Amino acid sequence: MGLPRIHNAQRDFLKASAQRSKWLRQSRIDPAELTKYDAELEERYTTQSAIVRDELSATATDDEKCQNGRQLLGWGRNATSTFAGRERAVSDECSYHTLADQFRVGWHPEFSKVFGVIDGASRES
């Protein structure tokens, strides 16, 4: 993956963090609503991940696995849903990066193994 795409992902993560913080600080959203939104995004990710991962063979190379992860990342970038009564495309794309930072979703098909994830948290956390 090229540097521009990595920088975009970093920017999206920071945007999501700032947006969520602002919503909570200004009481524009209830924390329980944000938790529900994250759970819905995680469920959508799980469904889409299964579809994308199904395209990988059991003998997939590392390059094929990375390509598969980039395909899933692209899906997350273009995902839209309804949140707080309005379509939230920007929020979705950024929020997936927030969930990935928490190890709740991952782009690489073996992200859990690669990052040593146990029950949504890295062993190094």
N, C-alpha and C. Protein backbone atom coordinates (compact mmCIF):
# COMPACT_ATOMS: atom_id res chain seq x y z
N MET A 1 0.86 -1.16 0.00
CA MET A 1 0.00 0.00 0.00
C MET A 1 0.91 1.23 0.00
N GLY A 2 0.54 2.20 -0.81
CA GLY A 2 1.34 3.40 -0.96
C GLY A 2 1.18 4.39 0.19
N LEU A 3 2.16 5.27 0.31
CA LEU A 3 2.14 6.28 1.38
C LEU A 3 0.90 7.17 1.34
N PRO A 4 0.43 7.62 0.17
CA PRO A 4 -0.77 8.46 0.18
C PRO A 4 -1.96 7.76 0.83
N ARG A 5 -2.13 6.49 0.56
CA ARG A 5 -3.26 5.76 1.15
C ARG A 5 -3.08 5.60 2.66
N ILE A 6 -1.86 5.38 3.08
CA ILE A 6 -1.58 5.28 4.52
C ILE A 6 -1.86 6.61 5.20
N HIS A 7 -1.43 7.69 4.59
CA HIS A 7 -1.68 9.03 5.16
C HIS A 7 -3.17 9.33 5.22
N ASN A 8 -3.91 8.91 4.19
CA ASN A 8 -5.37 9.10 4.20
C ASN A 8 -6.00 8.34 5.35
N ALA A 9 -5.54 7.12 5.58
CA ALA A 9 -6.09 6.31 6.68
C ALA A 9 -5.78 6.98 8.03
N GLN A 10 -4.57 7.50 8.17
CA GLN A 10 -4.21 8.19 9.41
C GLN A 10 -5.08 9.42 9.61
N ARG A 11 -5.27 10.17 8.55
CA ARG A 11 -6.12 11.37 8.61
C ARG A 11 -7.55 10.99 9.00
N ASP A 12 -8.06 9.92 8.38
CA ASP A 12 -9.43 9.49 8.68
C ASP A 12 -9.57 9.08 10.14
N PHE A 13 -8.57 8.39 10.66
CA PHE A 13 -8.60 7.99 12.07
C PHE A 13 -8.66 9.22 12.97
N LEU A 14 -7.83 10.20 12.68
CA LEU A 14 -7.81 11.43 13.49
C LEU A 14 -9.13 12.20 13.37
N LYS A 15 -9.71 12.23 12.16
CA LYS A 15 -11.00 12.89 11.97
C LYS A 15 -12.09 12.21 12.81
N ALA A 16 -12.08 10.88 12.79
CA ALA A 16 -13.09 10.15 13.56
C ALA A 16 -12.94 10.42 15.05
N SER A 17 -11.71 10.40 15.52
CA SER A 17 -11.48 10.66 16.95
C SER A 17 -11.95 12.05 17.34
N ALA A 18 -11.61 13.04 16.52
CA ALA A 18 -12.01 14.42 16.82
C ALA A 18 -13.53 14.57 16.74
N GLN A 19 -14.15 13.97 15.73
CA GLN A 19 -15.59 14.08 15.56
C GLN A 19 -16.34 13.44 16.72
N ARG A 20 -15.91 12.25 17.12
CA ARG A 20 -16.56 11.55 18.23
C ARG A 20 -16.41 12.35 19.53
N SER A 21 -15.22 12.87 19.74
CA SER A 21 -14.97 13.65 20.94
C SER A 21 -15.87 14.89 20.97
N LYS A 22 -16.00 15.55 19.83
CA LYS A 22 -16.84 16.76 19.74
C LYS A 22 -18.30 16.40 20.01
N TRP A 23 -18.78 15.32 19.39
CA TRP A 23 -20.17 14.90 19.61
C TRP A 23 -20.44 14.67 21.09
N LEU A 24 -19.53 13.98 21.74
CA LEU A 24 -19.72 13.66 23.16
C LEU A 24 -19.61 14.91 24.03
N ARG A 25 -18.62 15.74 23.75
CA ARG A 25 -18.40 16.96 24.52
C ARG A 25 -19.58 17.91 24.42
N GLN A 26 -20.17 18.01 23.24
CA GLN A 26 -21.30 18.91 23.02
C GLN A 26 -22.64 18.24 23.29
N SER A 27 -22.59 17.04 23.82
CA SER A 27 -23.81 16.27 24.12
C SER A 27 -24.72 16.13 22.90
N ARG A 28 -24.11 16.01 21.72
CA ARG A 28 -24.87 15.83 20.49
C ARG A 28 -25.25 14.37 20.29
N ILE A 29 -24.63 13.51 21.10
CA ILE A 29 -24.90 12.08 21.00
C ILE A 29 -24.74 11.45 22.37
N ASP A 30 -25.56 10.50 22.63
CA ASP A 30 -25.48 9.74 23.88
C ASP A 30 -24.38 8.68 23.72
N PRO A 31 -23.53 8.47 24.71
CA PRO A 31 -22.48 7.44 24.61
C PRO A 31 -23.03 6.06 24.24
N ALA A 32 -24.22 5.73 24.71
CA ALA A 32 -24.82 4.44 24.38
C ALA A 32 -25.14 4.35 22.88
N GLU A 33 -25.51 5.49 22.29
CA GLU A 33 -25.80 5.52 20.86
C GLU A 33 -24.52 5.30 20.06
N LEU A 34 -23.43 5.87 20.53
CA LEU A 34 -22.14 5.68 19.86
C LEU A 34 -21.69 4.22 19.97
N THR A 35 -21.91 3.61 21.12
CA THR A 35 -21.57 2.20 21.32
C THR A 35 -22.38 1.33 20.37
N LYS A 36 -23.67 1.64 20.23
CA LYS A 36 -24.54 0.89 19.32
C LYS A 36 -24.08 1.06 17.87
N TYR A 37 -23.71 2.27 17.50
CA TYR A 37 -23.21 2.55 16.15
C TYR A 37 -21.96 1.72 15.86
N ASP A 38 -21.02 1.70 16.80
CA ASP A 38 -19.81 0.90 16.61
C ASP A 38 -20.13 -0.58 16.45
N ALA A 39 -21.06 -1.08 17.23
CA ALA A 39 -21.46 -2.49 17.14
C ALA A 39 -22.07 -2.79 15.77
N GLU A 40 -22.87 -1.85 15.26
CA GLU A 40 -23.47 -2.02 13.94
C GLU A 40 -22.40 -2.01 12.85
N LEU A 41 -21.43 -1.11 12.96
CA LEU A 41 -20.34 -1.09 11.99
C LEU A 41 -19.54 -2.38 12.05
N GLU A 42 -19.29 -2.86 13.25
CA GLU A 42 -18.53 -4.10 13.41
C GLU A 42 -19.29 -5.28 12.78
N GLU A 43 -20.60 -5.29 12.95
CA GLU A 43 -21.41 -6.36 12.35
C GLU A 43 -21.36 -6.28 10.82
N ARG A 44 -21.47 -5.08 10.28
CA ARG A 44 -21.38 -4.90 8.82
C ARG A 44 -20.00 -5.32 8.31
N TYR A 45 -18.96 -4.97 9.06
CA TYR A 45 -17.60 -5.38 8.71
C TYR A 45 -17.50 -6.91 8.69
N THR A 46 -18.05 -7.57 9.70
CA THR A 46 -17.96 -9.03 9.79
C THR A 46 -18.61 -9.68 8.58
N THR A 47 -19.75 -9.16 8.17
CA THR A 47 -20.43 -9.69 6.99
C THR A 47 -19.60 -9.47 5.73
N GLN A 48 -19.14 -8.24 5.53
CA GLN A 48 -18.35 -7.93 4.33
C GLN A 48 -17.02 -8.66 4.34
N SER A 49 -16.40 -8.77 5.48
CA SER A 49 -15.13 -9.49 5.60
C SER A 49 -15.29 -10.95 5.18
N ALA A 50 -16.37 -11.58 5.60
CA ALA A 50 -16.62 -12.98 5.22
C ALA A 50 -16.76 -13.11 3.70
N ILE A 51 -17.44 -12.15 3.08
CA ILE A 51 -17.61 -12.17 1.63
C ILE A 51 -16.26 -12.03 0.93
N VAL A 52 -15.48 -11.05 1.35
CA VAL A 52 -14.18 -10.79 0.72
C VAL A 52 -13.20 -11.93 1.00
N ARG A 53 -13.17 -12.41 2.22
CA ARG A 53 -12.24 -13.49 2.60
C ARG A 53 -12.57 -14.79 1.88
N ASP A 54 -13.84 -14.97 1.53
CA ASP A 54 -14.26 -16.17 0.82
C ASP A 54 -13.57 -16.29 -0.54
N GLU A 55 -13.08 -15.18 -1.07
CA GLU A 55 -12.39 -15.17 -2.35
C GLU A 55 -10.95 -15.69 -2.25
N LEU A 56 -10.43 -15.81 -1.05
CA LEU A 56 -9.06 -16.29 -0.86
C LEU A 56 -9.03 -17.82 -0.86
N SER A 57 -8.03 -18.37 -1.51
CA SER A 57 -7.85 -19.82 -1.45
C SER A 57 -7.11 -20.17 -0.16
N ALA A 58 -7.17 -21.43 0.21
CA ALA A 58 -6.48 -21.89 1.42
C ALA A 58 -4.97 -21.75 1.28
N THR A 59 -4.49 -21.67 0.06
CA THR A 59 -3.05 -21.56 -0.18
C THR A 59 -2.66 -20.16 -0.65
N ALA A 60 -3.45 -19.16 -0.28
CA ALA A 60 -3.18 -17.78 -0.70
C ALA A 60 -1.80 -17.33 -0.23
N THR A 61 -1.12 -16.60 -1.10
CA THR A 61 0.19 -16.04 -0.77
C THR A 61 0.02 -14.80 0.09
N ASP A 62 1.11 -14.35 0.68
CA ASP A 62 1.05 -13.11 1.47
C ASP A 62 0.60 -11.94 0.61
N ASP A 63 1.07 -11.88 -0.65
CA ASP A 63 0.65 -10.79 -1.54
C ASP A 63 -0.85 -10.85 -1.80
N GLU A 64 -1.40 -12.04 -1.99
CA GLU A 64 -2.83 -12.19 -2.22
C GLU A 64 -3.62 -11.78 -0.97
N LYS A 65 -3.10 -12.11 0.20
CA LYS A 65 -3.77 -11.73 1.45
C LYS A 65 -3.76 -10.21 1.62
N CYS A 66 -2.64 -9.59 1.28
CA CYS A 66 -2.56 -8.12 1.37
C CYS A 66 -3.52 -7.47 0.38
N GLN A 67 -3.59 -8.01 -0.84
CA GLN A 67 -4.53 -7.49 -1.84
C GLN A 67 -5.97 -7.62 -1.33
N ASN A 68 -6.27 -8.74 -0.71
CA ASN A 68 -7.58 -8.98 -0.14
C ASN A 68 -7.89 -7.95 0.94
N GLY A 69 -6.89 -7.65 1.78
CA GLY A 69 -7.05 -6.64 2.82
C GLY A 69 -7.29 -5.26 2.24
N ARG A 70 -6.57 -4.93 1.16
CA ARG A 70 -6.78 -3.64 0.50
C ARG A 70 -8.18 -3.53 -0.09
N GLN A 71 -8.71 -4.66 -0.58
CA GLN A 71 -10.08 -4.68 -1.10
C GLN A 71 -11.07 -4.38 0.02
N LEU A 72 -10.87 -4.98 1.17
CA LEU A 72 -11.74 -4.73 2.31
C LEU A 72 -11.60 -3.28 2.80
N LEU A 73 -10.38 -2.78 2.80
CA LEU A 73 -10.15 -1.38 3.17
C LEU A 73 -10.90 -0.45 2.23
N GLY A 74 -10.89 -0.75 0.94
CA GLY A 74 -11.62 0.05 -0.04
C GLY A 74 -13.12 0.03 0.23
N TRP A 75 -13.63 -1.14 0.60
CA TRP A 75 -15.05 -1.23 0.95
C TRP A 75 -15.35 -0.31 2.15
N GLY A 76 -14.52 -0.38 3.18
CA GLY A 76 -14.71 0.45 4.37
C GLY A 76 -14.66 1.93 4.04
N ARG A 77 -13.84 2.27 3.09
CA ARG A 77 -13.69 3.67 2.68
C ARG A 77 -14.97 4.19 2.03
N ASN A 78 -15.70 3.32 1.36
CA ASN A 78 -16.90 3.73 0.63
C ASN A 78 -18.20 3.37 1.35
N ALA A 79 -18.10 2.82 2.54
CA ALA A 79 -19.30 2.38 3.27
C ALA A 79 -20.11 3.58 3.75
N THR A 80 -21.42 3.40 3.75
CA THR A 80 -22.31 4.42 4.30
C THR A 80 -23.37 3.73 5.15
N SER A 81 -23.87 4.43 6.12
CA SER A 81 -24.96 3.92 6.95
C SER A 81 -25.71 5.12 7.51
N THR A 82 -26.76 4.83 8.23
CA THR A 82 -27.53 5.88 8.88
C THR A 82 -27.13 5.92 10.34
N PHE A 83 -26.80 7.11 10.81
CA PHE A 83 -26.39 7.30 12.19
C PHE A 83 -27.00 8.59 12.68
N ALA A 84 -27.68 8.52 13.80
CA ALA A 84 -28.34 9.69 14.40
C ALA A 84 -29.28 10.34 13.38
N GLY A 85 -29.96 9.49 12.58
CA GLY A 85 -30.98 9.97 11.66
C GLY A 85 -30.48 10.55 10.36
N ARG A 86 -29.20 10.39 10.05
CA ARG A 86 -28.70 10.90 8.78
C ARG A 86 -27.60 9.98 8.24
N GLU A 87 -27.39 10.04 6.93
CA GLU A 87 -26.36 9.22 6.31
C GLU A 87 -25.00 9.71 6.77
N ARG A 88 -24.14 8.78 7.13
CA ARG A 88 -22.86 9.15 7.73
C ARG A 88 -21.69 8.52 6.99
N ALA A 89 -21.51 8.75 5.71
CA ALA A 89 -20.41 8.17 4.96
C ALA A 89 -19.06 8.55 5.56
N VAL A 90 -18.85 9.83 5.84
CA VAL A 90 -17.56 10.27 6.39
C VAL A 90 -17.33 9.63 7.74
N SER A 91 -18.33 9.60 8.55
CA SER A 91 -18.20 9.01 9.87
C SER A 91 -17.88 7.52 9.78
N ASP A 92 -18.52 6.81 8.85
CA ASP A 92 -18.26 5.38 8.70
C ASP A 92 -16.82 5.12 8.33
N GLU A 93 -16.35 5.78 7.27
CA GLU A 93 -15.00 5.49 6.80
C GLU A 93 -13.98 5.78 7.89
N CYS A 94 -14.18 6.82 8.63
CA CYS A 94 -13.25 7.16 9.71
C CYS A 94 -13.42 6.22 10.90
N SER A 95 -14.65 5.86 11.20
CA SER A 95 -14.92 5.01 12.35
C SER A 95 -14.36 3.61 12.18
N TYR A 96 -14.30 3.11 10.95
CA TYR A 96 -13.69 1.79 10.75
C TYR A 96 -12.22 1.82 11.17
N HIS A 97 -11.55 2.93 10.94
CA HIS A 97 -10.15 3.03 11.38
C HIS A 97 -10.07 3.07 12.90
N THR A 98 -11.02 3.70 13.54
CA THR A 98 -11.07 3.71 15.00
C THR A 98 -11.26 2.29 15.52
N LEU A 99 -12.17 1.54 14.91
CA LEU A 99 -12.39 0.15 15.32
C LEU A 99 -11.15 -0.70 15.06
N ALA A 100 -10.46 -0.44 13.95
CA ALA A 100 -9.22 -1.18 13.66
C ALA A 100 -8.15 -0.86 14.70
N ASP A 101 -8.08 0.39 15.13
CA ASP A 101 -7.11 0.78 16.15
C ASP A 101 -7.38 0.06 17.47
N GLN A 102 -8.64 -0.30 17.70
CA GLN A 102 -9.04 -1.04 18.90
C GLN A 102 -8.99 -2.55 18.68
N PHE A 103 -8.51 -2.97 17.50
CA PHE A 103 -8.42 -4.39 17.11
C PHE A 103 -9.78 -5.07 17.07
N ARG A 104 -10.83 -4.31 16.82
CA ARG A 104 -12.18 -4.89 16.69
C ARG A 104 -12.45 -5.31 15.26
N VAL A 105 -11.77 -4.69 14.30
CA VAL A 105 -11.80 -5.08 12.89
C VAL A 105 -10.36 -5.01 12.39
N GLY A 106 -10.14 -5.61 11.25
CA GLY A 106 -8.80 -5.57 10.66
C GLY A 106 -8.88 -5.76 9.17
N TRP A 107 -7.94 -5.17 8.47
CA TRP A 107 -7.98 -5.22 7.02
C TRP A 107 -7.32 -6.48 6.49
N HIS A 108 -6.20 -6.88 7.03
CA HIS A 108 -5.51 -8.09 6.60
C HIS A 108 -6.31 -9.31 7.06
N PRO A 109 -6.43 -10.34 6.22
CA PRO A 109 -7.23 -11.51 6.60
C PRO A 109 -6.75 -12.19 7.89
N GLU A 110 -5.50 -12.03 8.21
CA GLU A 110 -4.96 -12.66 9.43
C GLU A 110 -4.53 -11.61 10.45
N PHE A 111 -5.28 -10.49 10.51
CA PHE A 111 -4.87 -9.41 11.41
C PHE A 111 -4.78 -9.86 12.86
N SER A 112 -5.66 -10.76 13.27
CA SER A 112 -5.62 -11.24 14.66
C SER A 112 -4.30 -11.94 14.95
N LYS A 113 -3.89 -12.76 14.03
CA LYS A 113 -2.62 -13.49 14.18
C LYS A 113 -1.42 -12.55 14.07
N VAL A 114 -1.46 -11.67 13.07
CA VAL A 114 -0.35 -10.75 12.84
C VAL A 114 -0.11 -9.83 14.04
N PHE A 115 -1.19 -9.33 14.64
CA PHE A 115 -1.08 -8.39 15.74
C PHE A 115 -1.24 -9.02 17.12
N GLY A 116 -1.40 -10.35 17.16
CA GLY A 116 -1.54 -11.03 18.44
C GLY A 116 -2.79 -10.59 19.20
N VAL A 117 -3.91 -10.48 18.47
CA VAL A 117 -5.15 -10.01 19.07
C VAL A 117 -5.85 -11.13 19.84
N ILE A 118 -6.23 -10.81 21.07
CA ILE A 118 -6.99 -11.73 21.89
C ILE A 118 -8.21 -10.96 22.38
N ASP A 119 -9.40 -11.40 21.99
CA ASP A 119 -10.65 -10.76 22.43
C ASP A 119 -10.66 -9.26 22.23
N GLY A 120 -10.25 -8.79 21.02
CA GLY A 120 -10.35 -7.38 20.68
C GLY A 120 -9.25 -6.50 21.24
N ALA A 121 -8.19 -7.08 21.80
CA ALA A 121 -7.09 -6.26 22.32
C ALA A 121 -5.77 -6.93 21.99
N SER A 122 -4.79 -6.14 21.64
CA SER A 122 -3.47 -6.67 21.33
C SER A 122 -2.79 -7.14 22.59
N ARG A 123 -1.95 -8.14 22.44
CA ARG A 123 -1.18 -8.63 23.59
C ARG A 123 -0.25 -7.55 24.15
N GLU A 124 0.13 -6.60 23.27
CA GLU A 124 1.02 -5.53 23.73
C GLU A 124 0.29 -4.40 24.41
N SER A 125 -1.05 -4.39 24.38
CA SER A 125 -1.82 -3.29 24.97
C SER A 125 -1.62 -3.19 26.45
